[in-house]
Amino acid sequence: METLEPEPIFPHELRDAWPALSRDERVESFKLVPHATADDFFLTLSAPEQAELILAMAPGERRTWMRLLAPDDAVDVVQAAPSEHREALLRELDEATRREVQVLQAYEEDEAGGLMNPRFARVRPEMTIDEAIGYLRMQTREQVETVYYGYVLDARQHLLGVVSLRQLFQAAPDKRVEEVMRRDVATVSEDTHQEAVSRLFAEQGLMAIPVVDAERRMKGIVTVDDIVQVVQEEATEDIQKVGGMEALDAPYFEVGLLDMLKKRAGWLLVLFVGEMLTATAMGHFEEEISRAVVLALFVPLIISSGGNSGSQATTLIIRSLALSEVRLRDWWRVMRREVVAGMALGTILGAVGIARILVWQGLFHTYGEHAFLVAMTVGLSLVGVVTWGTLSGSMLPFALRRLGFDPASASAPFVATLVDVSGLVIYFTVAAILLRGTLL
């Protein structure tokens, strides 16, 4: 009988099913992708996924896929692989690429040096335009895969300028490169953090940025393709921290249950211990509560309003710091702005709270003969609590940045817990002042 060939799987079909597949299923499915599109599909995978796929293949197939990767991508794959397999993966590379990868491994993953591709298009300043175009064409055939710009270097590899392909094609053939190149080139150093690199891309609108050392010798380029993934990773990490947990090191379904619990339990315990102070504060005002039980009805309203306002403020400032819309030196301007905003927001909520109490008192006589004083207590407390929540939520990220910590660690739940305790103190202090001689 004639053996039936398995039906091919198209990349878009495999991409949809990929997260739900086991390692063995991924390998088997990948083998069914047509050769014409398998390369493109492989290059869209993340470094951990590529490492997993390569290590699951037969030894003879590993070399083909490792040598498909650019040096900066090969570094990511090697670093994503278990430590015992890294040397074996390096041996699959050709000698020149292996040396480049080993150099890149010396840099931190979140630095420009760790992101850069050491293969870039270069030209000499004395070349004519025709010579430069021919030289770029030769480099593209041999090793350079990404050609956004031609970087003009001297004999000692110092960066002199940059010329775009458009400039080369528009210039007269007999002109020299140094006559058309741009000399004011935006660069980053090898140890520039990836967040700073991403901001430079956003500001300059470039497709690639050169990486230079202290003597302005060019080491490589960081391309916009590399930085898109970085921006996604940084945003994901910040969002997870703001949510009140440690950042995950892998996609949700790839994190083991035990690791997930470790990432989440630590912050939950800290927040739980913090919330215990709420019970301590309530105990301190036990006498006031026993005299005016009606005050306890509004405790959830007070602390939730303060926590919500603090969470709003801290989220706004964390994101503004990340985008460099706000800098550390702007703390005073932010504080003045947030105090005004907090008082305005507190007044709005306080007015609604007062109206609600008075309406319910008029309809149902819920709060007794001193309902007006109770309403004023709630209203003024909301002004104070919301102002304090907004102020503390906006200033905490600045304090963390000043101390050298990630501002995203000022998570919304953490701020809410802080404001809960202080909110109770504000509420019962206002109550003690306004209700003395009546309910208290």
Protein backbone atom coordinates (compact mmCIF):
# COMPACT_ATOMS: atom_id res chain seq x y z
CA MET A 1 0.00 0.00 0.00
CA GLU A 2 1.10 3.52 -0.74
CA THR A 3 2.11 5.48 2.37
CA LEU A 4 0.17 8.71 2.77
CA GLU A 5 2.28 11.83 3.26
CA PRO A 6 1.20 13.95 6.24
CA GLU A 7 -0.50 17.17 5.27
CA PRO A 8 1.67 20.29 5.55
CA ILE A 9 0.97 22.84 8.30
CA PHE A 10 1.00 26.49 7.37
CA PRO A 11 2.78 28.98 9.66
CA HIS A 12 -0.35 30.96 10.61
CA GLU A 13 -2.08 27.73 11.68
CA LEU A 14 0.88 26.64 13.78
CA ARG A 15 1.26 30.08 15.35
CA ASP A 16 -2.34 29.96 16.63
CA ALA A 17 -1.87 26.50 18.15
CA TRP A 18 1.73 26.99 19.36
CA PRO A 19 1.08 28.07 23.00
CA ALA A 20 -1.07 25.00 23.68
CA LEU A 21 1.40 22.44 22.24
CA SER A 22 3.88 20.37 24.23
CA ARG A 23 7.56 20.35 23.28
CA ASP A 24 7.28 17.11 21.30
CA GLU A 25 4.15 18.34 19.53
CA ARG A 26 5.92 21.57 18.60
CA VAL A 27 8.84 19.69 17.08
CA GLU A 28 6.61 17.35 15.10
CA SER A 29 4.40 20.19 13.90
CA PHE A 30 7.38 22.32 12.92
CA LYS A 31 8.69 19.52 10.71
CA LEU A 32 5.43 19.70 8.74
CA VAL A 33 5.86 23.41 7.90
CA PRO A 34 6.88 23.80 4.22
CA HIS A 35 10.60 24.53 3.81
CA ALA A 36 9.87 27.76 1.96
CA THR A 37 8.22 29.28 5.04
CA ALA A 38 9.86 27.35 7.91
CA ASP A 39 12.77 29.81 8.16
CA ASP A 40 10.47 32.80 8.51
CA PHE A 41 8.33 31.04 11.12
CA PHE A 42 11.40 30.01 13.12
CA LEU A 43 12.68 33.60 13.20
CA THR A 44 9.37 34.85 14.65
CA LEU A 45 9.73 32.65 17.73
CA SER A 46 11.13 33.97 21.00
CA ALA A 47 14.66 32.96 22.03
CA PRO A 48 13.43 30.43 24.67
CA GLU A 49 11.12 28.85 22.09
CA GLN A 50 13.93 28.67 19.51
CA ALA A 51 16.26 27.09 22.08
CA GLU A 52 13.62 24.54 23.06
CA LEU A 53 13.00 23.66 19.43
CA ILE A 54 16.67 23.34 18.49
CA LEU A 55 17.52 21.18 21.51
CA ALA A 56 14.64 18.83 20.66
CA MET A 57 16.02 18.24 17.16
CA ALA A 58 18.47 15.61 16.02
CA PRO A 59 22.14 16.75 16.33
CA GLY A 60 22.50 17.00 12.56
CA GLU A 61 19.58 19.44 12.27
CA ARG A 62 20.73 21.78 15.03
CA ARG A 63 23.56 23.29 12.99
CA THR A 64 21.23 24.41 10.20
CA TRP A 65 18.97 26.36 12.54
CA MET A 66 21.73 27.81 14.71
CA ARG A 67 23.53 29.13 11.64
CA LEU A 68 20.34 30.79 10.43
CA LEU A 69 20.52 33.20 13.37
CA ALA A 70 22.31 36.54 13.40
CA PRO A 71 24.97 36.79 16.16
CA ASP A 72 22.79 38.85 18.52
CA ASP A 73 19.92 36.37 18.11
CA ALA A 74 22.27 33.42 18.56
CA VAL A 75 23.41 34.91 21.88
CA ASP A 76 19.81 35.08 23.06
CA VAL A 77 19.23 31.44 22.12
CA VAL A 78 22.40 30.26 23.86
CA GLN A 79 21.53 32.21 27.03
CA ALA A 80 17.96 30.87 26.97
CA ALA A 81 19.19 27.25 26.82
CA PRO A 82 19.99 25.27 29.99
CA SER A 83 23.61 25.82 31.05
CA GLU A 84 24.64 22.24 30.27
CA HIS A 85 23.68 22.68 26.58
CA ARG A 86 25.22 26.08 25.89
CA GLU A 87 28.65 24.91 24.83
CA ALA A 88 27.13 22.36 22.47
CA LEU A 89 25.05 25.07 20.81
CA LEU A 90 28.10 27.32 20.43
CA ARG A 91 29.95 24.51 18.65
CA GLU A 92 27.22 24.40 16.02
CA LEU A 93 28.17 27.92 14.85
CA ASP A 94 30.89 28.70 12.33
CA GLU A 95 34.16 30.04 13.74
CA ALA A 96 33.57 33.72 12.92
CA THR A 97 30.04 33.76 14.35
CA ARG A 98 31.18 31.86 17.44
CA ARG A 99 33.77 34.55 18.19
CA GLU A 100 31.17 37.28 17.76
CA VAL A 101 28.73 35.48 20.05
CA GLN A 102 31.38 35.01 22.74
CA VAL A 103 32.15 38.74 22.65
CA LEU A 104 28.46 39.59 22.99
CA GLN A 105 28.10 37.21 25.95
CA ALA A 106 30.37 39.49 27.96
CA TYR A 107 27.62 42.15 28.01
CA GLU A 108 24.55 42.17 30.21
CA GLU A 109 21.35 41.12 28.45
CA ASP A 110 19.64 44.43 29.19
CA GLU A 111 22.48 46.62 27.89
CA ALA A 112 22.99 47.97 24.38
CA GLY A 113 26.05 45.72 24.05
CA GLY A 114 23.91 42.67 24.72
CA LEU A 115 21.30 43.77 22.18
CA MET A 116 23.58 44.84 19.35
CA ASN A 117 24.38 43.02 16.12
CA PRO A 118 28.12 43.24 15.39
CA ARG A 119 27.46 42.91 11.66
CA PHE A 120 26.61 46.23 10.05
CA ALA A 121 27.13 47.97 6.72
CA ARG A 122 30.26 50.13 6.66
CA VAL A 123 31.86 52.43 4.12
CA ARG A 124 34.97 54.64 3.98
CA PRO A 125 34.73 58.45 3.72
CA GLU A 126 36.99 58.67 0.66
CA MET A 127 34.89 56.27 -1.42
CA THR A 128 32.85 57.58 -4.33
CA ILE A 129 29.09 57.02 -4.24
CA ASP A 130 29.35 54.29 -6.89
CA GLU A 131 32.12 52.54 -4.94
CA ALA A 132 30.11 52.76 -1.72
CA ILE A 133 27.00 51.25 -3.33
CA GLY A 134 29.06 48.40 -4.80
CA TYR A 135 30.76 47.81 -1.45
CA LEU A 136 27.41 47.71 0.38
CA ARG A 137 26.09 45.23 -2.18
CA MET A 138 29.10 42.98 -1.56
CA GLN A 139 28.65 43.13 2.24
CA THR A 140 24.98 42.23 1.90
CA ARG A 141 25.84 39.14 -0.13
CA GLU A 142 28.53 38.00 2.31
CA GLN A 143 27.33 38.61 5.88
CA VAL A 144 25.32 41.77 6.55
CA GLU A 145 21.60 40.97 6.71
CA THR A 146 20.24 44.34 7.81
CA VAL A 147 21.11 47.44 5.78
CA TYR A 148 19.29 50.54 6.92
CA TYR A 149 22.29 52.85 6.83
CA GLY A 150 25.92 52.81 5.80
CA TYR A 151 28.20 53.77 8.70
CA VAL A 152 31.25 55.79 7.73
CA LEU A 153 34.36 54.58 9.58
CA ASP A 154 38.03 55.49 9.43
CA ALA A 155 40.86 52.95 9.33
CA ARG A 156 40.70 52.51 13.14
CA GLN A 157 36.92 51.89 13.12
CA HIS A 158 36.01 55.29 14.60
CA LEU A 159 32.51 56.41 13.65
CA LEU A 160 32.70 59.54 11.47
CA GLY A 161 29.16 59.74 10.15
CA VAL A 162 26.22 57.92 8.59
CA VAL A 163 24.68 57.84 5.14
CA SER A 164 21.26 56.45 4.24
CA LEU A 165 20.61 54.37 1.15
CA ARG A 166 18.36 57.13 -0.13
CA GLN A 167 21.21 59.64 0.09
CA LEU A 168 23.51 57.28 -1.79
CA PHE A 169 21.06 56.71 -4.62
CA GLN A 170 20.24 60.41 -4.93
CA ALA A 171 23.83 61.66 -4.94
CA ALA A 172 25.99 62.06 -8.07
CA PRO A 173 28.06 58.89 -8.73
CA ASP A 174 31.40 60.71 -8.58
CA LYS A 175 30.74 62.46 -5.27
CA ARG A 176 32.54 61.19 -2.19
CA VAL A 177 30.78 59.69 0.80
CA GLU A 178 32.18 62.33 3.16
CA GLU A 179 30.40 65.02 1.14
CA VAL A 180 26.91 63.58 1.70
CA MET A 181 27.20 61.86 5.08
CA ARG A 182 25.61 63.17 8.26
CA ARG A 183 28.14 63.84 11.00
CA ASP A 184 25.74 64.37 13.92
CA VAL A 185 24.97 60.72 14.62
CA ALA A 186 22.85 59.58 17.56
CA THR A 187 24.79 56.83 19.36
CA VAL A 188 24.66 54.78 22.54
CA SER A 189 27.45 53.31 24.61
CA GLU A 190 27.89 49.60 25.20
CA ASP A 191 26.53 49.79 28.75
CA THR A 192 23.45 51.95 27.98
CA HIS A 193 20.37 50.33 29.51
CA GLN A 194 17.79 48.99 27.08
CA GLU A 195 15.10 51.36 28.40
CA ALA A 196 17.28 54.36 27.50
CA VAL A 197 17.91 52.84 24.05
CA SER A 198 14.17 52.42 23.46
CA ARG A 199 13.54 56.05 24.43
CA LEU A 200 16.19 57.18 21.94
CA PHE A 201 14.47 55.20 19.18
CA ALA A 202 11.17 56.88 20.05
CA GLU A 203 12.74 60.36 20.08
CA GLN A 204 14.84 60.02 16.92
CA GLY A 205 12.56 57.85 14.77
CA LEU A 206 15.53 55.77 13.54
CA MET A 207 15.62 52.23 12.18
CA ALA A 208 19.01 51.46 13.77
CA ILE A 209 21.32 53.09 16.31
CA PRO A 210 25.12 52.53 16.39
CA VAL A 211 26.82 51.29 19.56
CA VAL A 212 30.24 52.86 20.25
CA ASP A 213 32.88 52.47 22.94
CA ALA A 214 34.49 55.24 25.00
CA GLU A 215 36.81 56.15 22.09
CA ARG A 216 33.90 56.22 19.63
CA ARG A 217 34.95 53.01 17.91
CA MET A 218 31.86 51.37 16.47
CA LYS A 219 30.96 47.97 17.91
CA GLY A 220 27.60 47.19 16.33
CA ILE A 221 24.04 48.36 15.82
CA VAL A 222 20.78 47.96 17.71
CA THR A 223 17.88 47.74 15.26
CA VAL A 224 14.26 48.71 15.76
CA ASP A 225 13.30 45.01 15.47
CA ASP A 226 15.39 44.26 18.56
CA ILE A 227 13.97 47.14 20.56
CA VAL A 228 10.31 46.28 19.87
CA GLN A 229 10.70 43.09 21.89
CA VAL A 230 12.56 45.01 24.61
CA VAL A 231 9.75 47.55 24.93
CA GLN A 232 7.22 44.74 25.24
CA GLU A 233 9.29 42.99 27.91
CA GLU A 234 9.84 46.19 29.91
CA ALA A 235 6.15 47.13 29.75
CA THR A 236 5.12 43.61 30.82
CA GLU A 237 7.54 43.68 33.74
CA ASP A 238 6.31 47.10 34.91
CA ILE A 239 2.64 46.09 34.65
CA GLN A 240 3.25 42.94 36.68
CA LYS A 241 5.09 44.90 39.36
CA VAL A 242 2.42 47.57 39.50
CA GLY A 243 -0.10 44.74 39.98
CA GLY A 244 1.67 43.78 43.21
CA MET A 245 3.88 40.81 42.32
CA GLU A 246 7.36 39.98 41.10
CA ALA A 247 7.89 40.10 37.34
CA LEU A 248 7.54 36.73 35.59
CA ASP A 249 10.54 35.46 33.63
CA ALA A 250 8.48 33.64 30.99
CA PRO A 251 5.01 33.60 29.41
CA TYR A 252 2.15 32.76 31.78
CA PHE A 253 1.68 29.11 30.77
CA GLU A 254 5.43 28.44 30.79
CA VAL A 255 5.84 29.43 34.43
CA GLY A 256 5.51 26.46 36.77
CA LEU A 257 2.83 26.58 39.47
CA LEU A 258 5.42 26.59 42.26
CA ASP A 259 7.35 29.47 40.67
CA MET A 260 4.09 31.35 40.11
CA LEU A 261 3.21 30.98 43.79
CA LYS A 262 6.66 32.26 44.81
CA LYS A 263 6.29 35.29 42.56
CA ARG A 264 2.90 36.18 44.00
CA ALA A 265 2.99 35.01 47.61
CA GLY A 266 5.80 37.31 48.75
CA TRP A 267 4.03 40.54 47.92
CA LEU A 268 0.69 39.20 49.16
CA LEU A 269 2.27 38.43 52.54
CA VAL A 270 3.77 41.92 52.73
CA LEU A 271 0.42 43.48 51.85
CA PHE A 272 -1.41 41.21 54.31
CA VAL A 273 0.91 42.21 57.15
CA GLY A 274 0.42 45.84 56.14
CA GLU A 275 -3.35 45.45 56.21
CA MET A 276 -3.04 44.09 59.76
CA LEU A 277 -2.16 47.64 60.75
CA THR A 278 -5.70 48.54 59.72
CA ALA A 279 -6.99 46.32 62.52
CA THR A 280 -4.51 47.96 64.88
CA ALA A 281 -5.77 51.41 63.90
CA MET A 282 -9.39 50.29 64.34
CA GLY A 283 -8.50 48.95 67.79
CA HIS A 284 -6.97 52.29 68.75
CA PHE A 285 -10.29 54.00 68.00
CA GLU A 286 -12.37 51.25 69.58
CA GLU A 287 -13.88 53.61 72.16
CA GLU A 288 -15.03 56.08 69.52
CA ILE A 289 -16.57 53.27 67.46
CA SER A 290 -18.43 51.87 70.49
CA ARG A 291 -19.92 55.31 71.19
CA ALA A 292 -20.81 56.06 67.57
CA VAL A 293 -21.35 52.77 65.78
CA VAL A 294 -22.54 54.70 62.75
CA LEU A 295 -18.92 55.68 62.05
CA ALA A 296 -18.03 52.06 61.27
CA LEU A 297 -20.50 52.05 58.38
CA PHE A 298 -18.30 54.42 56.38
CA VAL A 299 -14.90 52.84 57.02
CA PRO A 300 -14.90 50.83 53.73
CA LEU A 301 -15.95 53.98 51.85
CA ILE A 302 -13.12 56.05 53.33
CA ILE A 303 -10.28 53.59 52.90
CA SER A 304 -11.30 52.46 49.42
CA SER A 305 -11.48 56.07 48.20
CA GLY A 306 -8.01 56.80 49.54
CA GLY A 307 -6.57 53.60 48.11
CA ASN A 308 -8.13 54.18 44.70
CA SER A 309 -6.82 57.74 44.48
CA GLY A 310 -3.34 56.59 45.52
CA SER A 311 -3.37 53.78 42.97
CA GLN A 312 -4.35 56.23 40.22
CA ALA A 313 -1.56 58.62 41.11
CA THR A 314 1.18 56.00 41.42
CA THR A 315 0.23 54.38 38.10
CA LEU A 316 0.32 57.75 36.32
CA ILE A 317 3.72 58.71 37.73
CA ILE A 318 5.32 55.30 37.18
CA ARG A 319 4.37 55.38 33.51
CA SER A 320 5.44 59.01 33.12
CA LEU A 321 8.84 58.22 34.63
CA ALA A 322 9.22 55.23 32.32
CA LEU A 323 8.49 57.41 29.26
CA SER A 324 10.72 60.25 30.57
CA GLU A 325 7.72 62.59 30.50
CA VAL A 326 8.58 63.33 34.13
CA ARG A 327 12.09 63.40 35.58
CA LEU A 328 13.38 63.10 39.13
CA ARG A 329 13.94 66.85 39.38
CA ASP A 330 10.21 67.43 38.64
CA TRP A 331 9.06 66.02 41.99
CA TRP A 332 8.16 69.45 43.40
CA ARG A 333 6.02 70.37 40.38
CA VAL A 334 4.30 66.99 40.54
CA MET A 335 3.65 67.35 44.27
CA ARG A 336 1.99 70.77 43.87
CA ARG A 337 -0.09 69.50 40.98
CA GLU A 338 -1.21 66.36 42.81
CA VAL A 339 -2.10 68.23 46.01
CA VAL A 340 -4.46 70.45 44.01
CA ALA A 341 -5.82 67.45 42.10
CA GLY A 342 -6.27 65.47 45.31
CA MET A 343 -8.18 68.27 47.02
CA ALA A 344 -10.42 68.74 43.97
CA LEU A 345 -11.11 65.00 43.67
CA GLY A 346 -11.68 64.72 47.43
CA THR A 347 -14.14 67.62 47.32
CA ILE A 348 -16.09 65.93 44.52
CA LEU A 349 -16.28 62.62 46.39
CA GLY A 350 -16.97 64.38 49.67
CA ALA A 351 -19.89 66.29 48.18
CA VAL A 352 -21.37 63.08 46.82
CA GLY A 353 -20.88 61.38 50.21
CA ILE A 354 -22.57 64.23 52.09
CA ALA A 355 -25.50 64.26 49.65
CA ARG A 356 -25.95 60.52 49.95
CA ILE A 357 -26.05 60.59 53.78
CA LEU A 358 -28.48 63.51 53.91
CA VAL A 359 -30.79 61.99 51.28
CA TRP A 360 -30.90 58.64 53.10
CA GLN A 361 -31.49 60.44 56.38
CA GLY A 362 -34.37 62.39 54.87
CA LEU A 363 -35.94 59.28 53.36
CA PHE A 364 -35.25 56.59 55.96
CA HIS A 365 -33.90 58.38 59.08
CA THR A 366 -30.95 56.00 58.97
CA TYR A 367 -28.25 58.00 60.79
CA GLY A 368 -30.03 59.55 63.75
CA GLU A 369 -30.37 63.11 65.01
CA HIS A 370 -26.73 64.02 64.31
CA ALA A 371 -26.80 62.93 60.67
CA PHE A 372 -25.59 66.33 59.45
CA LEU A 373 -22.43 66.14 61.61
CA VAL A 374 -21.86 62.57 60.46
CA ALA A 375 -22.19 63.70 56.84
CA MET A 376 -19.70 66.54 57.38
CA THR A 377 -17.30 64.11 59.06
CA VAL A 378 -17.43 61.78 56.08
CA GLY A 379 -17.16 64.63 53.57
CA LEU A 380 -14.16 66.32 55.19
CA SER A 381 -12.48 62.96 55.78
CA LEU A 382 -12.80 62.14 52.09
CA VAL A 383 -11.10 65.41 51.18
CA GLY A 384 -8.22 64.61 53.52
CA VAL A 385 -7.90 60.94 52.65
CA VAL A 386 -8.07 61.42 48.88
CA THR A 387 -5.57 64.29 49.04
CA TRP A 388 -3.21 62.20 51.15
CA GLY A 389 -3.66 59.16 48.90
CA THR A 390 -2.94 61.17 45.76
CA LEU A 391 0.11 62.83 47.34
CA SER A 392 1.65 59.63 48.72
CA GLY A 393 0.88 57.67 45.55
CA SER A 394 2.62 60.26 43.39
CA MET A 395 5.67 60.75 45.62
CA LEU A 396 6.49 57.10 46.35
CA PRO A 397 7.80 56.36 42.80
CA PHE A 398 10.08 59.42 43.07
CA ALA A 399 11.41 58.20 46.42
CA LEU A 400 12.13 54.74 45.00
CA ARG A 401 13.87 56.18 41.92
CA ARG A 402 15.97 58.44 44.17
CA LEU A 403 17.04 55.42 46.23
CA GLY A 404 17.99 53.52 43.08
CA PHE A 405 15.03 51.12 42.98
CA ASP A 406 12.60 50.48 40.15
CA PRO A 407 9.66 52.93 40.53
CA ALA A 408 7.33 50.14 39.35
CA SER A 409 7.92 48.51 42.75
CA ALA A 410 5.53 51.16 44.09
CA SER A 411 2.68 48.84 43.24
CA ALA A 412 -0.92 50.00 43.37
CA PRO A 413 -1.84 47.43 46.08
CA PHE A 414 1.13 48.59 48.18
CA VAL A 415 0.03 52.23 47.96
CA ALA A 416 -3.57 51.24 48.71
CA THR A 417 -2.44 49.37 51.84
CA LEU A 418 -0.39 52.36 53.00
CA VAL A 419 -3.31 54.74 52.51
CA ASP A 420 -5.79 52.38 54.20
CA VAL A 421 -4.03 52.72 57.54
CA SER A 422 -3.43 56.46 57.33
CA GLY A 423 -6.97 56.96 56.03
CA LEU A 424 -8.44 55.47 59.20
CA VAL A 425 -6.33 57.81 61.32
CA ILE A 426 -7.54 60.82 59.30
CA TYR A 427 -11.18 59.68 59.47
CA PHE A 428 -11.35 59.11 63.21
CA THR A 429 -9.35 62.24 63.96
CA VAL A 430 -11.86 64.34 62.00
CA ALA A 431 -14.70 62.50 63.75
CA ALA A 432 -13.18 63.21 67.18
CA ILE A 433 -13.04 66.93 66.37
CA LEU A 434 -16.51 67.33 64.79
CA LEU A 435 -18.50 64.94 66.95
CA ARG A 436 -17.05 65.85 70.34
CA GLY A 437 -19.88 66.65 72.72
CA THR A 438 -22.53 64.98 70.56
CA LEU A 439 -21.89 61.38 69.52
CA LEU A 440 -18.43 61.28 71.11
